[in-house]
C-alpha atoms as a PDB file:
ATOM      1  CA  MET A   1     -13.707 -15.072  -4.388  1.00  0.00           C
ATOM      2  CA  SER A   2     -10.036 -15.641  -3.564  1.00  0.00           C
ATOM      3  CA  ASP A   3      -9.233 -19.094  -2.188  1.00  0.00           C
ATOM      4  CA  ASN A   4      -7.451 -17.505   0.777  1.00  0.00           C
ATOM      5  CA  TYR A   5     -10.049 -14.809   1.500  1.00  0.00           C
ATOM      6  CA  GLU A   6     -10.834 -15.974   5.034  1.00  0.00           C
ATOM      7  CA  GLU A   7      -7.135 -16.113   5.910  1.00  0.00           C
ATOM      8  CA  ASN A   8      -6.616 -12.641   4.437  1.00  0.00           C
ATOM      9  CA  ARG A   9      -9.633 -11.320   6.295  1.00  0.00           C
ATOM     10  CA  GLU A  10      -8.282 -12.606   9.620  1.00  0.00           C
ATOM     11  CA  ARG A  11      -4.972 -10.894   8.923  1.00  0.00           C
ATOM     12  CA  PHE A  12      -6.870  -7.744   7.997  1.00  0.00           C
ATOM     13  CA  VAL A  13      -8.862  -7.722  11.246  1.00  0.00           C
ATOM     14  CA  THR A  14      -5.580  -7.870  13.168  1.00  0.00           C
ATOM     15  CA  LEU A  15      -4.095  -5.125  10.998  1.00  0.00           C
ATOM     16  CA  CYS A  16      -7.074  -2.844  11.686  1.00  0.00           C
ATOM     17  CA  ASP A  17      -6.259  -3.038  15.406  1.00  0.00           C
ATOM     18  CA  ALA A  18      -2.698  -1.807  14.815  1.00  0.00           C
ATOM     19  CA  ASP A  19      -1.686   1.865  14.851  1.00  0.00           C
ATOM     20  CA  ALA A  20      -2.049   3.927  11.678  1.00  0.00           C
ATOM     21  CA  HIS A  21       1.695   3.972  10.979  1.00  0.00           C
ATOM     22  CA  SER A  22       1.874   0.169  11.056  1.00  0.00           C
ATOM     23  CA  GLN A  23      -1.016   0.074   8.591  1.00  0.00           C
ATOM     24  CA  ALA A  24       0.643   2.625   6.316  1.00  0.00           C
ATOM     25  CA  GLN A  25       3.884   0.656   6.547  1.00  0.00           C
ATOM     26  CA  LEU A  26       2.305  -2.549   5.272  1.00  0.00           C
ATOM     27  CA  PHE A  27       0.413  -0.705   2.530  1.00  0.00           C
ATOM     28  CA  LEU A  28       3.623   0.931   1.331  1.00  0.00           C
ATOM     29  CA  LYS A  29       5.507  -2.380   1.324  1.00  0.00           C
ATOM     30  CA  SER A  30       2.817  -3.875  -0.875  1.00  0.00           C
ATOM     31  CA  PHE A  31       2.371  -0.985  -3.319  1.00  0.00           C
ATOM     32  CA  ILE A  32       5.607   1.001  -3.298  1.00  0.00           C
ATOM     33  CA  PHE A  33       6.358   0.087  -6.910  1.00  0.00           C
ATOM     34  CA  GLU A  34       2.790   0.620  -8.122  1.00  0.00           C
ATOM     35  CA  LEU A  35       2.799   4.052  -6.497  1.00  0.00           C
ATOM     36  CA  ASP A  36       6.151   4.926  -8.052  1.00  0.00           C
ATOM     37  CA  GLU A  37       7.085   8.562  -7.285  1.00  0.00           C
ATOM     38  CA  ASP A  38       3.727   9.091  -5.534  1.00  0.00           C
ATOM     39  CA  TRP A  39       4.658   6.744  -2.673  1.00  0.00           C
ATOM     40  CA  LYS A  40       5.200   9.775  -0.422  1.00  0.00           C
ATOM     41  CA  ASP A  41       1.461  10.463  -0.549  1.00  0.00           C
ATOM     42  CA  ILE A  42       0.906   7.504   1.795  1.00  0.00           C
ATOM     43  CA  ASN A  43       2.736   9.275   4.583  1.00  0.00           C
ATOM     44  CA  VAL A  44       0.870  12.514   3.862  1.00  0.00           C
ATOM     45  CA  LEU A  45      -2.458  10.677   4.174  1.00  0.00           C
ATOM     46  CA  CYS A  46      -1.273   8.894   7.309  1.00  0.00           C
ATOM     47  CA  GLU A  47      -0.351  12.180   8.994  1.00  0.00           C
ATOM     48  CA  LYS A  48      -3.626  13.800   7.938  1.00  0.00           C
ATOM     49  CA  PHE A  49      -5.541  10.799   9.263  1.00  0.00           C
ATOM     50  CA  THR A  50      -3.840  10.744  12.664  1.00  0.00           C
ATOM     51  CA  LYS A  51      -4.244  14.504  13.114  1.00  0.00           C
ATOM     52  CA  TYR A  52      -7.883  14.290  12.048  1.00  0.00           C
ATOM     53  CA  ILE A  53      -8.464  11.754  14.821  1.00  0.00           C
ATOM     54  CA  VAL A  54      -6.693  13.953  17.388  1.00  0.00           C
ATOM     55  CA  LEU A  55      -8.895  16.928  16.480  1.00  0.00           C
ATOM     56  CA  ALA A  56     -12.171  15.036  15.978  1.00  0.00           C
ATOM     57  CA  GLN A  57     -12.001  12.794  19.027  1.00  0.00           C
ATOM     58  CA  LYS A  58     -10.316  14.836  21.744  1.00  0.00           C
ATOM     59  CA  ASP A  59     -12.306  13.284  24.574  1.00  0.00           C
ATOM     60  CA  GLU A  60     -11.848   9.650  23.542  1.00  0.00           C
ATOM     61  CA  GLU A  61      -8.782   7.703  24.665  1.00  0.00           C
ATOM     62  CA  GLY A  62      -6.984   5.257  22.396  1.00  0.00           C
ATOM     63  CA  VAL A  63      -9.216   5.802  19.346  1.00  0.00           C
ATOM     64  CA  ARG A  64      -7.487   4.856  16.082  1.00  0.00           C
ATOM     65  CA  ASP A  65     -10.323   4.960  13.583  1.00  0.00           C
ATOM     66  CA  LEU A  66     -13.256   7.060  12.351  1.00  0.00           C
ATOM     67  CA  ASN A  67     -16.987   6.613  12.407  1.00  0.00           C
ATOM     68  CA  ALA A  68     -18.908   6.561   9.118  1.00  0.00           C
ATOM     69  CA  ALA A  69     -19.655  10.301   9.094  1.00  0.00           C
ATOM     70  CA  GLN A  70     -16.020  11.201   9.849  1.00  0.00           C
ATOM     71  CA  ALA A  71     -14.714   8.768   7.244  1.00  0.00           C
ATOM     72  CA  SER A  72     -17.063  10.267   4.670  1.00  0.00           C
ATOM     73  CA  ASP A  73     -15.835  13.766   5.533  1.00  0.00           C
ATOM     74  CA  PHE A  74     -12.178  12.665   5.393  1.00  0.00           C
ATOM     75  CA  LEU A  75     -12.787  11.096   1.983  1.00  0.00           C
ATOM     76  CA  GLN A  76     -14.219  14.353   0.641  1.00  0.00           C
ATOM     77  CA  GLN A  77     -11.415  16.418   2.187  1.00  0.00           C
ATOM     78  CA  ASN A  78      -8.834  14.379   0.291  1.00  0.00           C
ATOM     79  CA  GLY A  79     -10.252  14.827  -3.184  1.00  0.00           C
ATOM     80  CA  LYS A  80     -12.346  11.664  -3.435  1.00  0.00           C
ATOM     81  CA  THR A  81     -15.609  13.309  -4.413  1.00  0.00           C
ATOM     82  CA  ARG A  82     -18.675  11.076  -4.419  1.00  0.00           C
ATOM     83  CA  THR A  83     -22.390  11.405  -3.922  1.00  0.00           C
ATOM     84  CA  GLY A  84     -23.748  10.594  -0.485  1.00  0.00           C
ATOM     85  CA  THR A  85     -25.003   7.220  -1.696  1.00  0.00           C
ATOM     86  CA  GLU A  86     -21.690   6.366  -3.385  1.00  0.00           C
ATOM     87  CA  ARG A  87     -19.716   7.257  -0.259  1.00  0.00           C
ATOM     88  CA  LYS A  88     -21.996   5.142   1.912  1.00  0.00           C
ATOM     89  CA  GLU A  89     -21.822   2.074  -0.346  1.00  0.00           C
ATOM     90  CA  GLU A  90     -18.087   2.274  -1.045  1.00  0.00           C
ATOM     91  CA  LEU A  91     -17.190   2.823   2.601  1.00  0.00           C
ATOM     92  CA  LYS A  92     -19.334  -0.162   3.546  1.00  0.00           C
ATOM     93  CA  ASP A  93     -17.501  -2.229   0.917  1.00  0.00           C
ATOM     94  CA  VAL A  94     -14.088  -1.650   2.550  1.00  0.00           C
ATOM     95  CA  ASP A  95     -15.361  -2.175   6.103  1.00  0.00           C
ATOM     96  CA  LEU A  96     -13.954  -5.675   5.882  1.00  0.00           C
ATOM     97  CA  ASN A  97     -13.830  -6.235   9.629  1.00  0.00           C
ATOM     98  CA  ASN A  98     -17.542  -5.312   9.837  1.00  0.00           C
ATOM     99  CA  ASP A  99     -17.339  -2.908  12.782  1.00  0.00           C
ATOM    100  CA  ASP A 100     -18.797   0.195  11.089  1.00  0.00           C
ATOM    101  CA  ARG A 101     -15.538   1.985  11.890  1.00  0.00           C
ATOM    102  CA  TYR A 102     -12.812   3.011   9.456  1.00  0.00           C
ATOM    103  CA  SER A 103      -9.110   2.610  10.127  1.00  0.00           C
ATOM    104  CA  LEU A 104      -6.420   4.076   7.890  1.00  0.00           C
ATOM    105  CA  ILE A 105      -5.906   0.804   6.012  1.00  0.00           C
ATOM    106  CA  GLU A 106      -9.611   0.653   5.143  1.00  0.00           C
ATOM    107  CA  TYR A 107      -9.472   4.238   3.944  1.00  0.00           C
ATOM    108  CA  LEU A 108      -6.385   3.490   1.812  1.00  0.00           C
ATOM    109  CA  LEU A 109      -8.155   0.546   0.161  1.00  0.00           C
ATOM    110  CA  LEU A 110     -10.866   2.958  -0.944  1.00  0.00           C
ATOM    111  CA  HIS A 111      -8.572   5.868  -1.831  1.00  0.00           C
ATOM    112  CA  TYR A 112      -6.406   3.618  -4.056  1.00  0.00           C
ATOM    113  CA  LYS A 113      -9.095   1.145  -5.104  1.00  0.00           C
ATOM    114  CA  ALA A 114      -8.622   1.630  -8.859  1.00  0.00           C
ATOM    115  CA  MET A 115      -4.825   1.213  -8.616  1.00  0.00           C
ATOM    116  CA  ILE A 116      -5.124  -1.905  -6.461  1.00  0.00           C
ATOM    117  CA  LEU A 117      -7.666  -3.569  -8.750  1.00  0.00           C
ATOM    118  CA  ARG A 118      -5.558  -2.825 -11.838  1.00  0.00           C
ATOM    119  CA  ALA A 119      -2.563  -4.419 -10.105  1.00  0.00           C
ATOM    120  CA  TYR A 120      -4.646  -7.429  -9.068  1.00  0.00           C
ATOM    121  CA  TYR A 121      -5.983  -8.181 -12.555  1.00  0.00           C
ATOM    122  CA  LYS A 122      -2.623  -7.477 -14.172  1.00  0.00           C
ATOM    123  CA  ARG A 123      -0.949  -9.992 -11.852  1.00  0.00           C
ATOM    124  CA  HIS A 124      -3.608 -12.567 -12.691  1.00  0.00           C
ATOM    125  CA  LYS A 125      -3.281 -11.745 -16.409  1.00  0.00           C
ATOM    126  CA  GLN A 126      -6.960 -10.860 -16.687  1.00  0.00           C
ATOM    127  CA  SER A 127      -8.876  -7.870 -17.957  1.00  0.00           C
ATOM    128  CA  PRO A 128     -10.791  -6.083 -15.164  1.00  0.00           C
ATOM    129  CA  PRO A 129     -14.477  -7.061 -15.445  1.00  0.00           C
ATOM    130  CA  MET A 130     -15.519  -3.661 -14.086  1.00  0.00           C
ATOM    131  CA  ASP A 131     -14.998  -0.075 -15.217  1.00  0.00           C
ATOM    132  CA  LEU A 132     -11.969   1.310 -13.379  1.00  0.00           C
ATOM    133  CA  SER A 133     -11.980   4.675 -15.101  1.00  0.00           C
ATOM    134  CA  GLY A 134     -13.067   7.723 -13.149  1.00  0.00           C
ATOM    135  CA  ASP A 135     -11.351   6.486  -9.973  1.00  0.00           C
ATOM    136  CA  ALA A 136     -13.566   3.364  -9.919  1.00  0.00           C
ATOM    137  CA  ILE A 137     -16.410   5.378  -8.412  1.00  0.00           C
ATOM    138  CA  GLY A 138     -19.387   3.141  -7.687  1.00  0.00           C
ATOM    139  CA  VAL A 139     -17.399  -0.102  -7.958  1.00  0.00           C
ATOM    140  CA  THR A 140     -18.267  -2.365  -5.009  1.00  0.00           C
ATOM    141  CA  GLY A 141     -18.123  -6.060  -4.144  1.00  0.00           C
ATOM    142  CA  VAL A 142     -14.345  -6.162  -4.591  1.00  0.00           C
ATOM    143  CA  GLY A 143     -13.209  -6.807  -1.008  1.00  0.00           C
ATOM    144  CA  PRO A 144     -11.588 -10.196  -1.746  1.00  0.00           C
ATOM    145  CA  GLN A 145      -9.527  -8.754  -4.617  1.00  0.00           C
ATOM    146  CA  LEU A 146      -8.407  -5.778  -2.542  1.00  0.00           C
ATOM    147  CA  LEU A 147      -7.270  -8.000   0.333  1.00  0.00           C
ATOM    148  CA  ASP A 148      -5.553 -10.478  -1.963  1.00  0.00           C
ATOM    149  CA  GLU A 149      -3.480  -7.715  -3.541  1.00  0.00           C
ATOM    150  CA  LEU A 150      -2.809  -5.979  -0.215  1.00  0.00           C
ATOM    151  CA  PHE A 151      -1.179  -9.075   1.248  1.00  0.00           C
ATOM    152  CA  PHE A 152       0.729  -9.997  -1.923  1.00  0.00           C
ATOM    153  CA  MET A 153       4.230  -8.589  -1.540  1.00  0.00           C
ATOM    154  CA  PRO A 154       6.040  -7.556  -4.771  1.00  0.00           C
ATOM    155  CA  ALA A 155       9.099  -9.489  -5.895  1.00  0.00           C
ATOM    156  CA  GLY A 156      11.311  -6.389  -5.781  1.00  0.00           C
ATOM    157  CA  LEU A 157      10.688  -5.839  -2.058  1.00  0.00           C
ATOM    158  CA  ASN A 158      14.109  -6.866  -0.776  1.00  0.00           C
ATOM    159  CA  ALA A 159      15.374  -6.834   2.811  1.00  0.00           C
ATOM    160  CA  GLU A 160      17.093  -3.460   2.421  1.00  0.00           C
ATOM    161  CA  LEU A 161      13.937  -1.750   1.191  1.00  0.00           C
ATOM    162  CA  GLU A 162      11.800  -3.390   3.890  1.00  0.00           C
ATOM    163  CA  LYS A 163      14.221  -2.160   6.550  1.00  0.00           C
ATOM    164  CA  ALA A 164      14.150   1.365   5.092  1.00  0.00           C
ATOM    165  CA  ILE A 165      10.330   1.443   5.143  1.00  0.00           C
ATOM    166  CA  GLU A 166      10.231   0.179   8.731  1.00  0.00           C
ATOM    167  CA  ALA A 167      12.836   2.726   9.877  1.00  0.00           C
ATOM    168  CA  PHE A 168      10.914   5.514   8.161  1.00  0.00           C
ATOM    169  CA  TYR A 169       7.652   4.661   9.901  1.00  0.00           C
ATOM    170  CA  ALA A 170       9.306   4.101  13.281  1.00  0.00           C
ATOM    171  CA  LYS A 171      10.331   7.768  13.236  1.00  0.00           C
ATOM    172  CA  GLN A 172       6.937   8.911  11.941  1.00  0.00           C
ATOM    173  CA  ARG A 173       5.202   6.897  14.678  1.00  0.00           C
ATOM    174  CA  ALA A 174       7.374   8.432  17.413  1.00  0.00           C
ATOM    175  CA  ARG A 175       6.525  11.934  16.201  1.00  0.00           C
ATOM    176  CA  ALA A 176       2.799  11.169  16.018  1.00  0.00           C
ATOM    177  CA  GLU A 177       2.773   9.736  19.545  1.00  0.00           C
ATOM    178  CA  ARG A 178       4.541  12.826  20.874  1.00  0.00           C
ATOM    179  CA  TYR A 179       2.106  15.104  19.036  1.00  0.00           C
ATOM    180  CA  SER A 180      -0.875  13.208  20.429  1.00  0.00           C
ATOM    181  CA  ALA A 181       0.481  13.401  23.973  1.00  0.00           C
ATOM    182  CA  LEU A 182       1.068  17.149  23.627  1.00  0.00           C
ATOM    183  CA  SER A 183      -2.432  17.717  22.269  1.00  0.00           C
ATOM    184  CA  LYS A 184      -3.928  16.282  25.466  1.00  0.00           C
ATOM    185  CA  VAL A 185      -1.887  18.694  27.579  1.00  0.00           C
ATOM    186  CA  ALA A 186      -2.644  21.597  25.220  1.00  0.00           C
ATOM    187  CA  ASN A 187      -6.373  21.138  25.808  1.00  0.00           C
ATOM    188  CA  GLY A 188      -5.890  22.199  29.421  1.00  0.00           C
ATOM    189  CA  ALA A 189      -4.976  25.556  30.858  1.00  0.00           C
ATOM    190  CA  GLY A 190      -1.971  27.250  32.378  1.00  0.00           C
ATOM    191  CA  VAL A 191       1.740  27.170  31.647  1.00  0.00           C
ATOM    192  CA  LYS A 192       1.849  23.469  30.697  1.00  0.00           C
ATOM    193  CA  ALA A 193      -0.883  23.916  28.088  1.00  0.00           C
ATOM    194  CA  PHE A 194       0.863  26.980  26.670  1.00  0.00           C
ATOM    195  CA  THR A 195       4.191  25.122  26.488  1.00  0.00           C
ATOM    196  CA  ALA A 196       2.541  22.126  24.799  1.00  0.00           C
ATOM    197  CA  LYS A 197       0.921  24.346  22.180  1.00  0.00           C
ATOM    198  CA  ASN A 198       4.263  25.962  21.427  1.00  0.00           C
ATOM    199  CA  GLU A 199       5.951  22.584  21.033  1.00  0.00           C
ATOM    200  CA  MET A 200       3.155  21.399  18.725  1.00  0.00           C
ATOM    201  CA  ALA A 201       3.595  24.514  16.583  1.00  0.00           C
ATOM    202  CA  GLN A 202       7.344  23.882  16.485  1.00  0.00           C
ATOM    203  CA  MET A 203       6.778  20.265  15.459  1.00  0.00           C
ATOM    204  CA  ASP A 204       4.427  21.396  12.694  1.00  0.00           C
ATOM    205  CA  SER A 205       7.147  23.633  11.271  1.00  0.00           C
ATOM    206  CA  GLU A 206      10.034  21.183  11.726  1.00  0.00           C
ATOM    207  CA  ASP A 207       8.386  17.902  10.742  1.00  0.00           C
ATOM    208  CA  LYS A 208       8.518  18.633   7.022  1.00  0.00           C
ATOM    209  CA  THR A 209      12.297  19.131   7.038  1.00  0.00           C
ATOM    210  CA  ALA A 210      12.927  15.976   9.062  1.00  0.00           C
ATOM    211  CA  THR A 211      10.516  13.951   6.934  1.00  0.00           C
ATOM    212  CA  ASN A 212      12.159  15.187   3.726  1.00  0.00           C
ATOM    213  CA  ARG A 213      15.532  13.855   4.898  1.00  0.00           C
ATOM    214  CA  GLU A 214      14.018  10.486   5.763  1.00  0.00           C
ATOM    215  CA  GLU A 215      12.139  10.341   2.460  1.00  0.00           C
ATOM    216  CA  ILE A 216      15.391  10.826   0.548  1.00  0.00           C
ATOM    217  CA  THR A 217      16.893   7.776   2.292  1.00  0.00           C
ATOM    218  CA  LEU A 218      13.815   5.646   1.631  1.00  0.00           C
ATOM    219  CA  ASN A 219      13.519   6.792  -1.969  1.00  0.00           C
ATOM    220  CA  ALA A 220      17.130   5.788  -2.633  1.00  0.00           C
ATOM    221  CA  ALA A 221      16.376   2.278  -1.345  1.00  0.00           C
ATOM    222  CA  ARG A 222      13.209   2.157  -3.465  1.00  0.00           C
ATOM    223  CA  ARG A 223      15.021   3.133  -6.657  1.00  0.00           C
ATOM    224  CA  LYS A 224      17.830   0.670  -5.974  1.00  0.00           C
ATOM    225  CA  ALA A 225      15.350  -2.165  -5.429  1.00  0.00           C
ATOM    226  CA  GLN A 226      13.388  -1.175  -8.520  1.00  0.00           C
ATOM    227  CA  LYS A 227      16.543  -1.119 -10.625  1.00  0.00           C
ATOM    228  CA  THR A 228      17.720  -4.455  -9.249  1.00  0.00           C
ATOM    229  CA  SER A 229      14.303  -5.986  -9.815  1.00  0.00           C
ATOM    230  CA  SER A 230      14.261  -4.730 -13.417  1.00  0.00           C
ATOM    231  CA  SER A 231      17.782  -6.066 -13.998  1.00  0.00           C
ATOM    232  CA  ASP A 232      16.835  -9.452 -12.575  1.00  0.00           C
ATOM    233  CA  LEU A 233      13.770  -9.562 -14.819  1.00  0.00           C
ATOM    234  CA  LEU A 234      15.910  -8.692 -17.838  1.00  0.00           C
ATOM    235  CA  ASP A 235      18.424 -11.408 -16.913  1.00  0.00           C
ATOM    236  CA  GLN A 236      15.576 -13.906 -16.621  1.00  0.00           C
ATOM    237  CA  LYS A 237      14.255 -12.935 -20.053  1.00  0.00           C
ATOM    238  CA  VAL A 238      17.732 -13.195 -21.613  1.00  0.00           C
ATOM    239  CA  LYS A 239      18.312 -16.594 -20.022  1.00  0.00           C
ATOM    240  CA  ALA A 240      14.886 -17.780 -21.122  1.00  0.00           C
ATOM    241  CA  ALA A 241      15.570 -16.644 -24.692  1.00  0.00           C
ATOM    242  CA  GLU A 242      18.974 -18.357 -24.680  1.00  0.00           C
ATOM    243  CA  ALA A 243      17.428 -21.552 -23.319  1.00  0.00           C
ATOM    244  CA  GLU A 244      14.739 -21.457 -26.001  1.00  0.00           C
ATOM    245  CA  GLU A 245      17.334 -20.940 -28.731  1.00  0.00           C
ATOM    246  CA  LYS A 246      19.459 -23.796 -27.388  1.00  0.00           C
ATOM    247  CA  ALA A 247      16.404 -26.054 -27.291  1.00  0.00           C
ATOM    248  CA  LYS A 248      15.698 -25.232 -30.953  1.00  0.00           C
ATOM    249  CA  ARG A 249      19.316 -25.996 -31.940  1.00  0.00           C
ATOM    250  CA  ASP A 250      19.279 -29.262 -29.991  1.00  0.00           C
ATOM    251  CA  ALA A 251      15.987 -30.242 -31.590  1.00  0.00           C
ATOM    252  CA  SER A 252      17.369 -29.454 -35.035  1.00  0.00           C
ATOM    253  CA  ARG A 253      20.532 -31.495 -34.409  1.00  0.00           C
ATOM    254  CA  ASN A 254      18.519 -34.385 -33.039  1.00  0.00           C
ATOM    255  CA  ALA A 255      16.233 -34.307 -36.050  1.00  0.00           C
ATOM    256  CA  LEU A 256      19.264 -34.311 -38.357  1.00  0.00           C
ATOM    257  CA  LYS A 257      20.795 -37.236 -36.475  1.00  0.00           C
ATOM    258  CA  ALA A 258      17.532 -39.148 -36.739  1.00  0.00           C
ATOM    259  CA  ARG A 259      17.379 -38.564 -40.506  1.00  0.00           C
ATOM    260  CA  MET A 260      21.014 -39.635 -40.908  1.00  0.00           C
ATOM    261  CA  ALA A 261      20.387 -42.747 -38.857  1.00  0.00           C
ATOM    262  CA  MET A 262      17.364 -43.603 -40.989  1.00  0.00           C
ATOM    263  CA  PHE A 263      19.362 -42.988 -44.175  1.00  0.00           C
ATOM    264  CA  ASN A 264      22.203 -45.201 -43.014  1.00  0.00           C
ATOM    265  CA  SER A 265      19.847 -47.995 -41.994  1.00  0.00           C
ATOM    266  CA  ASN A 266      18.320 -48.033 -45.481  1.00  0.00           C
ATOM    267  CA  GLU A 267      21.646 -48.535 -47.283  1.00  0.00           C
END
């Protein structure tokens, strides 16, 4: 178990109480380079998750998570096919705040479990002790590793990229809050309900265009950070190689001086 598991778990409990967009934001900061071009899928899952809650829990105020049955259904809907037993055990494994409810961040830990574990063991320069093929289906008991990797921020995450991610999710959050407010009005009757439904339909058609523009801005920041990070790593390797070569030359010169000094002392 990770030495800082309890600290990570406390941070995780707090994160689970945050809104879904804040959870997606932190997940993306942590794994934006691991996800590569698939980073946009996080926002897709976030939007699906928030809309699922709106539709599934119309009569409940302020709900931000799913019960076990809903989480199992959401998992299946998003291509993560498992048997009933596998779903039950794997969902339980990511319920790291032990409330038998499932927030977006808990779902993401399960959805991307194989990727996260590969990143964790790669960072620790170890071979995974479990089979991560087949989407790591059936792999449980890995909560500490998942949390450790979640809260480990990559070196390439610079201030510009962080700001771009935060700006992206601020806009996504504002849209989601508006959509949720409209859905409550749309459940009623009369002119207000009709108007709300029309605005929701308009948002559904317009959101993709607006999101695409924002994704372009964020993707540019991601690529710039990735390129800079790669350049820095290359510079470090070059400098390390130069330092090693210099050390070898210095050692050779020192050895030669020592032999010359010994030769001169014997004359």
